[in-house]
Structure formats: structure tokens, C-alpha cells
Protein backbone atom coordinates (compact mmCIF):
# COMPACT_ATOMS: atom_id res chain seq x y z
CA GLY A 1 0.00 0.00 0.00
CA LEU A 2 1.01 3.60 -0.38
CA ALA A 3 -0.02 6.79 1.41
CA HIS A 4 0.79 10.20 -0.08
CA ILE A 5 0.89 12.34 3.04
CA MET A 6 0.48 16.09 2.68
CA LEU A 7 0.31 17.25 6.33
CA PRO A 8 1.37 15.74 9.66
CA GLU A 9 -1.99 15.79 11.45
CA ARG A 10 -5.66 16.17 10.71
CA ARG A 11 -7.08 19.62 11.29
CA ASN A 12 -10.58 21.04 11.58
CA ASN A 13 -12.35 17.68 11.32
CA ASP A 14 -11.29 17.31 7.66
CA GLU A 15 -12.62 14.01 6.36
CA ALA A 16 -9.73 13.55 3.90
CA THR A 17 -8.15 10.70 5.89
CA GLY A 18 -5.35 9.92 3.44
CA LYS A 19 -3.97 13.43 3.50
CA TYR A 20 -2.62 13.36 7.07
CA ALA A 21 0.09 11.13 8.59
CA ASP A 22 -1.83 10.59 11.83
CA SER A 23 -4.87 9.23 9.98
CA ALA A 24 -3.42 7.92 6.68
CA VAL A 25 -1.12 5.32 8.23
CA PRO A 26 -3.81 3.70 10.45
CA ALA A 27 -6.36 3.87 7.59
CA LEU A 28 -3.92 2.22 5.16
CA LEU A 29 -3.07 -0.51 7.67
CA ALA A 30 -6.78 -1.19 8.29
CA ARG A 31 -7.47 -1.40 4.57
CA MET A 32 -4.52 -3.72 4.06
CA ALA A 33 -5.69 -5.94 6.94
CA SER A 34 -9.18 -6.16 5.42
CA SER A 35 -7.52 -7.26 2.17
CA GLY A 36 -5.71 -10.10 3.94
CA SER A 37 -2.29 -8.69 4.79
CA ARG A 38 -0.50 -10.12 7.80
CA HIS A 39 0.49 -7.34 10.20
CA GLY A 40 3.70 -9.09 11.27
CA ALA A 41 4.90 -9.23 7.67
CA LEU A 42 4.50 -5.50 6.99
CA GLN A 43 7.44 -3.17 6.49
CA ALA A 44 7.54 0.52 5.62
CA MET A 45 9.59 2.78 3.39
CA LEU A 46 9.62 6.54 3.96
CA ILE A 47 10.12 8.49 0.76
CA GLY A 48 9.69 12.25 0.40
CA GLY A 49 9.59 15.02 2.93
CA ALA A 50 11.33 17.51 0.67
CA GLN A 51 11.04 21.27 1.02
CA MET A 52 10.43 22.03 -2.63
CA PHE A 53 9.26 25.64 -2.48
CA PRO A 54 10.55 28.72 -0.64
CA MET A 55 8.38 29.54 2.36
CA GLY A 56 10.64 31.55 4.63
CA THR A 57 11.04 30.48 8.23
CA SER A 58 7.40 29.66 8.93
CA ALA A 59 6.20 26.29 10.16
CA LEU A 60 5.16 25.56 6.57
CA ALA A 61 8.81 25.70 5.56
CA ALA A 62 9.47 22.56 7.59
CA ILE A 63 6.28 20.69 6.62
CA GLY A 64 8.26 17.89 4.95
CA ASP A 65 10.25 17.31 8.14
CA GLN A 66 7.04 17.41 10.19
CA ASN A 67 5.42 14.85 7.88
CA VAL A 68 8.40 12.50 8.29
CA VAL A 69 8.28 12.80 12.09
CA ALA A 70 4.52 12.16 12.12
CA ALA A 71 4.81 9.17 9.77
CA ARG A 72 7.59 7.66 11.90
CA LYS A 73 5.43 8.10 15.01
CA ALA A 74 2.38 6.48 13.39
CA LEU A 75 4.46 3.55 12.15
CA LYS A 76 6.14 3.09 15.54
CA GLU A 77 2.74 3.10 17.28
CA SER A 78 1.60 0.41 14.84
CA ARG A 79 4.84 -1.58 15.29
CA ILE A 80 5.71 -1.39 11.59
CA PRO A 81 9.49 -1.38 10.99
CA ILE A 82 10.95 1.18 8.59
CA ILE A 83 13.34 -0.64 6.24
CA TYR A 84 14.27 2.23 3.91
CA GLU A 85 14.29 6.01 3.95
CA GLU A 86 14.94 8.54 1.21
CA ILE A 87 13.80 11.80 2.76
CA GLY A 88 14.42 15.54 2.93
CA GLY A 89 16.26 17.82 0.60
CA LYS A 90 14.77 20.36 -1.78
CA ALA A 91 13.85 18.20 -4.76
CA GLY A 92 10.68 16.18 -5.13
CA ARG A 93 10.60 12.49 -5.88
CA SER A 94 8.66 10.31 -8.24
CA VAL A 95 7.72 6.92 -6.78
CA VAL A 96 6.56 3.86 -8.68
CA PHE A 97 5.20 1.04 -6.54
CA ASP A 98 4.38 -2.36 -8.03
CA ASN A 99 1.65 -3.96 -5.92
CA VAL A 100 2.31 -7.40 -7.40
CA THR A 101 6.08 -7.63 -6.90
CA GLY A 102 6.49 -5.09 -4.07
CA GLN A 103 9.26 -3.39 -6.04
CA VAL A 104 9.67 0.33 -5.38
CA SER A 105 11.49 2.69 -7.73
CA VAL A 106 12.39 6.23 -6.64
CA LYS A 107 13.56 8.99 -8.94
CA THR A 108 14.75 12.24 -7.40
CA LEU A 109 13.61 15.13 -9.56
CA LYS A 110 15.81 18.06 -10.42
CA ALA A 111 15.14 21.12 -8.30
CA ILE A 112 12.99 23.55 -10.29
CA ALA A 113 15.20 26.49 -9.43
CA SER A 114 17.71 27.46 -6.82
CA TRP A 115 15.89 29.67 -4.35
CA GLU A 116 18.57 30.18 -1.76
CA ARG A 117 19.11 33.88 -1.11
CA GLU A 118 22.53 35.18 -1.89
CA SER A 119 24.04 37.90 0.31
């Protein structure tokens, strides 16, 4: 299964479960269990968490880091081991997941533009 997390925690009673780490991970695990997965055989890969756009020093600037922390917490609470991480940076990633073979391919995209301020 795969969850594309956008924010670390659900806010304002938003029903979009898959958007938030604190609700997406448990929802994905429940859906996988109902499809016959064995909990003890599950493993996780964390991919993403990049800061792709300039946002200053606000909390939004670190949203990728916050998503990674929240996903780790949700996986730890569910006793799912993380076997691979490719996280952080400033470039997005493209992920291809094959449900049949379990093979995961990750391609790091080129940064759109350098947005570091020069003095």
C-alpha cells in the first residue's frame, strides 16, 4: 500500500483521511488488513519530505520534516518497521510502486530552481 501524506496531522475535522500522517497510516493498515495482509509481515519505506518551495522560516517551511516525524510516530505506534528512507532535501521524488512484486522505484527530480538567497 502507499499513502501520499500532505500534512502531519488532521485539522478542523477534515474528512480527507489519506492526507494526514496521523490518519493515513492507520487507515492504510486497516485497509490492508481487510484485504488479507499479515500485520507481522508489513514493512515501511519513507520516501519524500522535501522542502520544494521557498516559504521563509514559517512552520510551513518545515512541513516535509514534520510529515516525516509524524509518519515515523504512526508507524512506531503500529509496530511497523521502517526498512528504507529517502527523505528531505529540496527536490521532489517520483515513486513507482508495483503492488504485485512489491518493487519500489524512486527517482529524485531536479530542483525547479535554486531559491537560496545570496548575500
